[in-house]
Amino acid sequence: MAGEHDAFEAAEMHDGARVVRRDKVVSRSMAVMLAAPSLFTIAIAVYIAFANASASKPVPPEALPLVVGGMVALGLLLATLGIVFGVLRTVVTEHAVHVRYGLWGPTIPIPSIRACRVVDYEWTKFGGWGIKRARDGTWAYVATSAGKVLELTYEEEGRERRVQIGVSDAAETARQIERLRNAALEGIPSAARADDRAAAAESDPADDEKMGGRARR
């Protein structure tokens, strides 16, 4: 569903076009995995600050603010990463597919998409979850261990690229993207459209027979 945008989406994931679908996947396990060390680090910093004077090997007074401040900063950084990497957003507009896992992710123009399908996420291929890259160059933005993900094959700078995206309803998101892609295909120059259709016909013998029948007429 399109739903309502929030401040982050409005600032980072908006291209001015109508939003067709927006999706937000929250990974609590990822957030906890990063937040727990942050609390532990901050707790140690507080302990050092109060117990340093009675310690057997105290931190030199002139270095104490630097040590405590550095540990608190590290703890806050880990907490921030826990929040950032706890949310995967996907926004589909009439112009593009915007993906942000935290602050990172691609923006893929609809006309550049060559294929859109739902596949099983092979976490062993990518080495887990999060922002991952497989050996074949495929990027994955997957926040949880969900089985089905959206896979997009698209063209960028003359090269074919592939990305897998964890969304709450991969089939519906794929359907919406395919609808937009077909509409965009109808709007591009006839020569390029013919190339796409010719490529599709190569894998469909029935289409070849139909084309041959038209030629004989």
C-alpha atoms as a PDB file:
ATOM      1  CA  MET A   1       0.000   0.000   0.000  1.00  0.00           C
ATOM      2  CA  ALA A   2       1.103   3.556  -0.583  1.00  0.00           C
ATOM      3  CA  GLY A   3       0.436   4.769   2.964  1.00  0.00           C
ATOM      4  CA  GLU A   4       1.943   7.953   4.376  1.00  0.00           C
ATOM      5  CA  HIS A   5       5.529   9.078   3.971  1.00  0.00           C
ATOM      6  CA  ASP A   6       7.729  10.096   6.887  1.00  0.00           C
ATOM      7  CA  ALA A   7      10.441  12.747   7.181  1.00  0.00           C
ATOM      8  CA  PHE A   8      13.276  10.454   6.067  1.00  0.00           C
ATOM      9  CA  GLU A   9      11.407   9.297   2.991  1.00  0.00           C
ATOM     10  CA  ALA A  10      10.426  12.848   2.071  1.00  0.00           C
ATOM     11  CA  ALA A  11      14.055  13.960   2.284  1.00  0.00           C
ATOM     12  CA  GLU A  12      15.891  10.949   0.821  1.00  0.00           C
ATOM     13  CA  MET A  13      13.460   8.849  -1.228  1.00  0.00           C
ATOM     14  CA  HIS A  14      11.199  11.258  -3.067  1.00  0.00           C
ATOM     15  CA  ASP A  15      11.490  12.023  -6.793  1.00  0.00           C
ATOM     16  CA  GLY A  16       8.356  14.115  -7.204  1.00  0.00           C
ATOM     17  CA  ALA A  17       6.339  11.335  -8.821  1.00  0.00           C
ATOM     18  CA  ARG A  18       3.268   9.619  -7.425  1.00  0.00           C
ATOM     19  CA  VAL A  19       4.080   6.872  -4.920  1.00  0.00           C
ATOM     20  CA  VAL A  20       2.632   3.525  -5.997  1.00  0.00           C
ATOM     21  CA  ARG A  21       3.894   1.393  -3.141  1.00  0.00           C
ATOM     22  CA  ARG A  22       5.964   1.885  -0.017  1.00  0.00           C
ATOM     23  CA  ASP A  23       7.344  -0.830   2.209  1.00  0.00           C
ATOM     24  CA  LYS A  24       9.170  -0.804   5.535  1.00  0.00           C
ATOM     25  CA  VAL A  25      10.771  -3.901   7.056  1.00  0.00           C
ATOM     26  CA  VAL A  26      11.976  -3.625  10.661  1.00  0.00           C
ATOM     27  CA  SER A  27      14.688  -6.012  11.830  1.00  0.00           C
ATOM     28  CA  ARG A  28      14.556  -6.080  15.632  1.00  0.00           C
ATOM     29  CA  SER A  29      17.285  -8.710  15.795  1.00  0.00           C
ATOM     30  CA  MET A  30      19.699  -6.467  13.877  1.00  0.00           C
ATOM     31  CA  ALA A  31      18.837  -3.518  16.099  1.00  0.00           C
ATOM     32  CA  VAL A  32      19.359  -5.532  19.277  1.00  0.00           C
ATOM     33  CA  MET A  33      22.602  -7.038  17.976  1.00  0.00           C
ATOM     34  CA  LEU A  34      24.099  -3.567  17.611  1.00  0.00           C
ATOM     35  CA  ALA A  35      22.301  -1.857  20.502  1.00  0.00           C
ATOM     36  CA  ALA A  36      23.424  -4.364  23.155  1.00  0.00           C
ATOM     37  CA  PRO A  37      27.170  -3.644  22.690  1.00  0.00           C
ATOM     38  CA  SER A  38      26.408   0.069  22.735  1.00  0.00           C
ATOM     39  CA  LEU A  39      24.804  -0.154  26.183  1.00  0.00           C
ATOM     40  CA  PHE A  40      27.667  -2.299  27.435  1.00  0.00           C
ATOM     41  CA  THR A  41      30.253   0.210  26.141  1.00  0.00           C
ATOM     42  CA  ILE A  42      28.486   3.185  27.724  1.00  0.00           C
ATOM     43  CA  ALA A  43      28.128   1.283  31.022  1.00  0.00           C
ATOM     44  CA  ILE A  44      31.888   0.616  31.111  1.00  0.00           C
ATOM     45  CA  ALA A  45      32.569   4.294  30.388  1.00  0.00           C
ATOM     46  CA  VAL A  46      30.383   5.344  33.316  1.00  0.00           C
ATOM     47  CA  TYR A  47      32.055   2.768  35.583  1.00  0.00           C
ATOM     48  CA  ILE A  48      35.539   4.001  34.647  1.00  0.00           C
ATOM     49  CA  ALA A  49      34.526   7.614  35.291  1.00  0.00           C
ATOM     50  CA  PHE A  50      33.321   6.871  38.835  1.00  0.00           C
ATOM     51  CA  ALA A  51      35.681   4.068  39.840  1.00  0.00           C
ATOM     52  CA  ASN A  52      38.911   5.353  38.345  1.00  0.00           C
ATOM     53  CA  ALA A  53      40.127   7.075  41.524  1.00  0.00           C
ATOM     54  CA  SER A  54      40.010   3.839  43.566  1.00  0.00           C
ATOM     55  CA  ALA A  55      41.302   1.550  40.809  1.00  0.00           C
ATOM     56  CA  SER A  56      44.616  -0.288  41.253  1.00  0.00           C
ATOM     57  CA  LYS A  57      45.752   1.005  37.848  1.00  0.00           C
ATOM     58  CA  PRO A  58      43.811   4.241  37.289  1.00  0.00           C
ATOM     59  CA  VAL A  59      43.683   6.106  34.033  1.00  0.00           C
ATOM     60  CA  PRO A  60      45.814   9.269  34.232  1.00  0.00           C
ATOM     61  CA  PRO A  61      43.555  12.214  35.179  1.00  0.00           C
ATOM     62  CA  GLU A  62      44.513  14.159  32.067  1.00  0.00           C
ATOM     63  CA  ALA A  63      43.496  11.230  29.844  1.00  0.00           C
ATOM     64  CA  LEU A  64      40.310  10.302  31.698  1.00  0.00           C
ATOM     65  CA  PRO A  65      37.961  12.691  29.807  1.00  0.00           C
ATOM     66  CA  LEU A  66      39.346  11.456  26.491  1.00  0.00           C
ATOM     67  CA  VAL A  67      38.914   7.781  27.416  1.00  0.00           C
ATOM     68  CA  VAL A  68      35.412   8.190  28.830  1.00  0.00           C
ATOM     69  CA  GLY A  69      34.308  10.503  26.039  1.00  0.00           C
ATOM     70  CA  GLY A  70      35.656   8.147  23.386  1.00  0.00           C
ATOM     71  CA  MET A  71      33.845   5.150  24.853  1.00  0.00           C
ATOM     72  CA  VAL A  72      30.571   7.050  25.143  1.00  0.00           C
ATOM     73  CA  ALA A  73      30.924   8.197  21.527  1.00  0.00           C
ATOM     74  CA  LEU A  74      31.541   4.598  20.438  1.00  0.00           C
ATOM     75  CA  GLY A  75      28.477   3.448  22.346  1.00  0.00           C
ATOM     76  CA  LEU A  76      26.324   6.133  20.758  1.00  0.00           C
ATOM     77  CA  LEU A  77      27.669   5.210  17.320  1.00  0.00           C
ATOM     78  CA  LEU A  78      26.730   1.567  17.841  1.00  0.00           C
ATOM     79  CA  ALA A  79      23.272   2.594  19.034  1.00  0.00           C
ATOM     80  CA  THR A  80      22.830   4.771  15.955  1.00  0.00           C
ATOM     81  CA  LEU A  81      23.895   1.920  13.680  1.00  0.00           C
ATOM     82  CA  GLY A  82      21.393  -0.323  15.441  1.00  0.00           C
ATOM     83  CA  ILE A  83      18.610   2.120  14.638  1.00  0.00           C
ATOM     84  CA  VAL A  84      19.821   2.735  11.086  1.00  0.00           C
ATOM     85  CA  PHE A  85      20.309  -0.921  10.163  1.00  0.00           C
ATOM     86  CA  GLY A  86      17.077  -1.914  11.843  1.00  0.00           C
ATOM     87  CA  VAL A  87      14.933  -0.483   9.031  1.00  0.00           C
ATOM     88  CA  LEU A  88      14.824  -1.355   5.322  1.00  0.00           C
ATOM     89  CA  ARG A  89      12.651   0.916   3.184  1.00  0.00           C
ATOM     90  CA  THR A  90      11.470   0.430  -0.387  1.00  0.00           C
ATOM     91  CA  VAL A  91       9.473   3.101  -2.181  1.00  0.00           C
ATOM     92  CA  VAL A  92       8.110   2.520  -5.681  1.00  0.00           C
ATOM     93  CA  THR A  93       7.075   5.638  -7.596  1.00  0.00           C
ATOM     94  CA  GLU A  94       5.999   6.050 -11.204  1.00  0.00           C
ATOM     95  CA  HIS A  95       9.599   7.041 -11.980  1.00  0.00           C
ATOM     96  CA  ALA A  96      11.845   4.756  -9.930  1.00  0.00           C
ATOM     97  CA  VAL A  97      12.357   2.132  -7.256  1.00  0.00           C
ATOM     98  CA  HIS A  98      14.087   3.654  -4.215  1.00  0.00           C
ATOM     99  CA  VAL A  99      15.786   1.322  -1.735  1.00  0.00           C
ATOM    100  CA  ARG A 100      17.370   2.451   1.518  1.00  0.00           C
ATOM    101  CA  TYR A 101      18.792   0.136   4.134  1.00  0.00           C
ATOM    102  CA  GLY A 102      19.592   2.747   6.706  1.00  0.00           C
ATOM    103  CA  LEU A 103      21.246   5.461   4.612  1.00  0.00           C
ATOM    104  CA  TRP A 104      22.413   3.214   1.779  1.00  0.00           C
ATOM    105  CA  GLY A 105      20.756   1.709  -1.260  1.00  0.00           C
ATOM    106  CA  PRO A 106      20.131   2.176  -4.987  1.00  0.00           C
ATOM    107  CA  THR A 107      17.629   4.272  -6.887  1.00  0.00           C
ATOM    108  CA  ILE A 108      16.585   2.350 -10.004  1.00  0.00           C
ATOM    109  CA  PRO A 109      14.682   4.176 -12.774  1.00  0.00           C
ATOM    110  CA  ILE A 110      11.682   2.168 -13.978  1.00  0.00           C
ATOM    111  CA  PRO A 111      12.713   2.302 -17.690  1.00  0.00           C
ATOM    112  CA  SER A 112      16.108   0.761 -16.846  1.00  0.00           C
ATOM    113  CA  ILE A 113      14.550  -2.396 -15.352  1.00  0.00           C
ATOM    114  CA  ARG A 114      14.919  -5.409 -17.651  1.00  0.00           C
ATOM    115  CA  ALA A 115      13.409  -8.094 -15.411  1.00  0.00           C
ATOM    116  CA  CYS A 116      11.460  -8.259 -12.163  1.00  0.00           C
ATOM    117  CA  ARG A 117      10.756 -11.491 -10.312  1.00  0.00           C
ATOM    118  CA  VAL A 118      10.277 -13.093  -6.901  1.00  0.00           C
ATOM    119  CA  VAL A 119      13.009 -15.496  -5.774  1.00  0.00           C
ATOM    120  CA  ASP A 120      14.082 -17.370  -2.657  1.00  0.00           C
ATOM    121  CA  TYR A 121      16.803 -15.571  -0.722  1.00  0.00           C
ATOM    122  CA  GLU A 122      19.896 -17.762  -0.486  1.00  0.00           C
ATOM    123  CA  TRP A 123      21.588 -16.379   2.614  1.00  0.00           C
ATOM    124  CA  THR A 124      24.517 -18.786   2.220  1.00  0.00           C
ATOM    125  CA  LYS A 125      25.244 -17.254  -1.189  1.00  0.00           C
ATOM    126  CA  PHE A 126      25.429 -13.756   0.298  1.00  0.00           C
ATOM    127  CA  GLY A 127      26.890 -14.667   3.672  1.00  0.00           C
ATOM    128  CA  GLY A 128      23.987 -13.661   5.883  1.00  0.00           C
ATOM    129  CA  TRP A 129      21.645 -10.673   5.974  1.00  0.00           C
ATOM    130  CA  GLY A 130      22.073  -6.940   5.778  1.00  0.00           C
ATOM    131  CA  ILE A 131      23.786  -5.217   2.863  1.00  0.00           C
ATOM    132  CA  LYS A 132      25.576  -8.044   1.075  1.00  0.00           C
ATOM    133  CA  ARG A 133      27.272  -8.702  -2.261  1.00  0.00           C
ATOM    134  CA  ALA A 134      27.481 -12.153  -3.834  1.00  0.00           C
ATOM    135  CA  ARG A 135      30.422 -13.346  -5.912  1.00  0.00           C
ATOM    136  CA  ASP A 136      28.461 -12.867  -9.126  1.00  0.00           C
ATOM    137  CA  GLY A 137      28.057  -9.157  -8.342  1.00  0.00           C
ATOM    138  CA  THR A 138      24.444  -9.298  -7.148  1.00  0.00           C
ATOM    139  CA  TRP A 139      23.721  -6.942  -4.265  1.00  0.00           C
ATOM    140  CA  ALA A 140      21.239  -7.826  -1.538  1.00  0.00           C
ATOM    141  CA  TYR A 141      19.412  -5.508   0.848  1.00  0.00           C
ATOM    142  CA  VAL A 142      17.686  -7.926   3.202  1.00  0.00           C
ATOM    143  CA  ALA A 143      16.850  -7.121   6.822  1.00  0.00           C
ATOM    144  CA  THR A 144      15.468 -10.481   7.924  1.00  0.00           C
ATOM    145  CA  SER A 145      15.659 -14.162   7.013  1.00  0.00           C
ATOM    146  CA  ALA A 146      12.435 -13.949   4.957  1.00  0.00           C
ATOM    147  CA  GLY A 147      12.339 -16.629   2.251  1.00  0.00           C
ATOM    148  CA  LYS A 148      10.954 -14.631  -0.686  1.00  0.00           C
ATOM    149  CA  VAL A 149      12.624 -11.469  -1.941  1.00  0.00           C
ATOM    150  CA  LEU A 150      12.226  -9.153  -4.915  1.00  0.00           C
ATOM    151  CA  GLU A 151      14.943  -9.439  -7.575  1.00  0.00           C
ATOM    152  CA  LEU A 152      15.463  -6.664 -10.128  1.00  0.00           C
ATOM    153  CA  THR A 153      17.725  -6.884 -13.151  1.00  0.00           C
ATOM    154  CA  TYR A 154      18.456  -3.465 -14.585  1.00  0.00           C
ATOM    155  CA  GLU A 155      20.872  -1.545 -16.778  1.00  0.00           C
ATOM    156  CA  GLU A 156      23.205   1.091 -15.373  1.00  0.00           C
ATOM    157  CA  GLU A 157      25.978   2.821 -17.293  1.00  0.00           C
ATOM    158  CA  GLY A 158      25.714   0.245 -20.059  1.00  0.00           C
ATOM    159  CA  ARG A 159      26.097  -2.718 -17.720  1.00  0.00           C
ATOM    160  CA  GLU A 160      23.569  -5.223 -16.448  1.00  0.00           C
ATOM    161  CA  ARG A 161      23.178  -5.223 -12.687  1.00  0.00           C
ATOM    162  CA  ARG A 162      21.098  -7.284 -10.300  1.00  0.00           C
ATOM    163  CA  VAL A 163      19.771  -6.559  -6.820  1.00  0.00           C
ATOM    164  CA  GLN A 164      17.657  -8.507  -4.339  1.00  0.00           C
ATOM    165  CA  ILE A 165      15.416  -6.593  -1.934  1.00  0.00           C
ATOM    166  CA  GLY A 166      13.642  -7.832   1.163  1.00  0.00           C
ATOM    167  CA  VAL A 167      10.056  -6.541   1.168  1.00  0.00           C
ATOM    168  CA  SER A 168       7.005  -7.615   3.134  1.00  0.00           C
ATOM    169  CA  ASP A 169       5.067  -8.671   0.020  1.00  0.00           C
ATOM    170  CA  ALA A 170       7.466  -9.465  -2.810  1.00  0.00           C
ATOM    171  CA  ALA A 171       4.754 -10.693  -5.199  1.00  0.00           C
ATOM    172  CA  GLU A 172       2.639  -7.536  -4.938  1.00  0.00           C
ATOM    173  CA  THR A 173       5.663  -5.253  -5.200  1.00  0.00           C
ATOM    174  CA  ALA A 174       6.808  -7.138  -8.305  1.00  0.00           C
ATOM    175  CA  ARG A 175       3.322  -6.833  -9.825  1.00  0.00           C
ATOM    176  CA  GLN A 176       3.283  -3.078  -9.335  1.00  0.00           C
ATOM    177  CA  ILE A 177       6.777  -2.667 -10.794  1.00  0.00           C
ATOM    178  CA  GLU A 178       5.879  -4.807 -13.819  1.00  0.00           C
ATOM    179  CA  ARG A 179       2.803  -2.647 -14.425  1.00  0.00           C
ATOM    180  CA  LEU A 180       4.910   0.511 -14.330  1.00  0.00           C
ATOM    181  CA  ARG A 181       7.607  -1.097 -16.464  1.00  0.00           C
ATOM    182  CA  ASN A 182       5.113  -2.084 -19.170  1.00  0.00           C
ATOM    183  CA  ALA A 183       3.694   1.424 -19.179  1.00  0.00           C
ATOM    184  CA  ALA A 184       7.206   2.886 -19.497  1.00  0.00           C
ATOM    185  CA  LEU A 185       8.008   0.444 -22.289  1.00  0.00           C
ATOM    186  CA  GLU A 186       5.090   1.770 -24.297  1.00  0.00           C
ATOM    187  CA  GLY A 187       6.491   5.276 -23.993  1.00  0.00           C
ATOM    188  CA  ILE A 188      10.027   4.656 -25.290  1.00  0.00           C
ATOM    189  CA  PRO A 189      11.057   4.980 -28.978  1.00  0.00           C
ATOM    190  CA  SER A 190       9.700   2.274 -31.288  1.00  0.00           C
ATOM    191  CA  ALA A 191      13.163   0.986 -32.281  1.00  0.00           C
ATOM    192  CA  ALA A 192      14.150   0.286 -28.673  1.00  0.00           C
ATOM    193  CA  ARG A 193      10.727  -1.233 -27.993  1.00  0.00           C
ATOM    194  CA  ALA A 194      11.169  -3.545 -30.976  1.00  0.00           C
ATOM    195  CA  ASP A 195      14.540  -4.679 -29.617  1.00  0.00           C
ATOM    196  CA  ASP A 196      12.949  -5.644 -26.287  1.00  0.00           C
ATOM    197  CA  ARG A 197      10.131  -7.502 -27.999  1.00  0.00           C
ATOM    198  CA  ALA A 198      12.540  -9.277 -30.335  1.00  0.00           C
ATOM    199  CA  ALA A 199      14.570 -10.456 -27.340  1.00  0.00           C
ATOM    200  CA  ALA A 200      11.412 -11.806 -25.713  1.00  0.00           C
ATOM    201  CA  ALA A 201      10.359 -13.537 -28.939  1.00  0.00           C
ATOM    202  CA  GLU A 202      13.632 -15.478 -29.081  1.00  0.00           C
ATOM    203  CA  SER A 203      12.523 -17.500 -26.065  1.00  0.00           C
ATOM    204  CA  ASP A 204       8.948 -18.057 -27.368  1.00  0.00           C
ATOM    205  CA  PRO A 205       8.653 -20.222 -30.540  1.00  0.00           C
ATOM    206  CA  ALA A 206       4.923 -19.470 -30.745  1.00  0.00           C
ATOM    207  CA  ASP A 207       5.699 -15.813 -31.302  1.00  0.00           C
ATOM    208  CA  ASP A 208       8.091 -16.728 -34.101  1.00  0.00           C
ATOM    209  CA  GLU A 209       5.333 -18.681 -35.837  1.00  0.00           C
ATOM    210  CA  LYS A 210       2.971 -15.736 -35.513  1.00  0.00           C
ATOM    211  CA  MET A 211       5.535 -13.360 -36.974  1.00  0.00           C
ATOM    212  CA  GLY A 212       6.173 -15.757 -39.843  1.00  0.00           C
ATOM    213  CA  GLY A 213       2.447 -15.996 -40.551  1.00  0.00           C
ATOM    214  CA  ARG A 214       2.163 -12.230 -40.779  1.00  0.00           C
ATOM    215  CA  ALA A 215       5.117 -12.081 -43.171  1.00  0.00           C
ATOM    216  CA  ARG A 216       3.515 -14.684 -45.507  1.00  0.00           C
ATOM    217  CA  ARG A 217       0.355 -12.621 -45.640  1.00  0.00           C
END
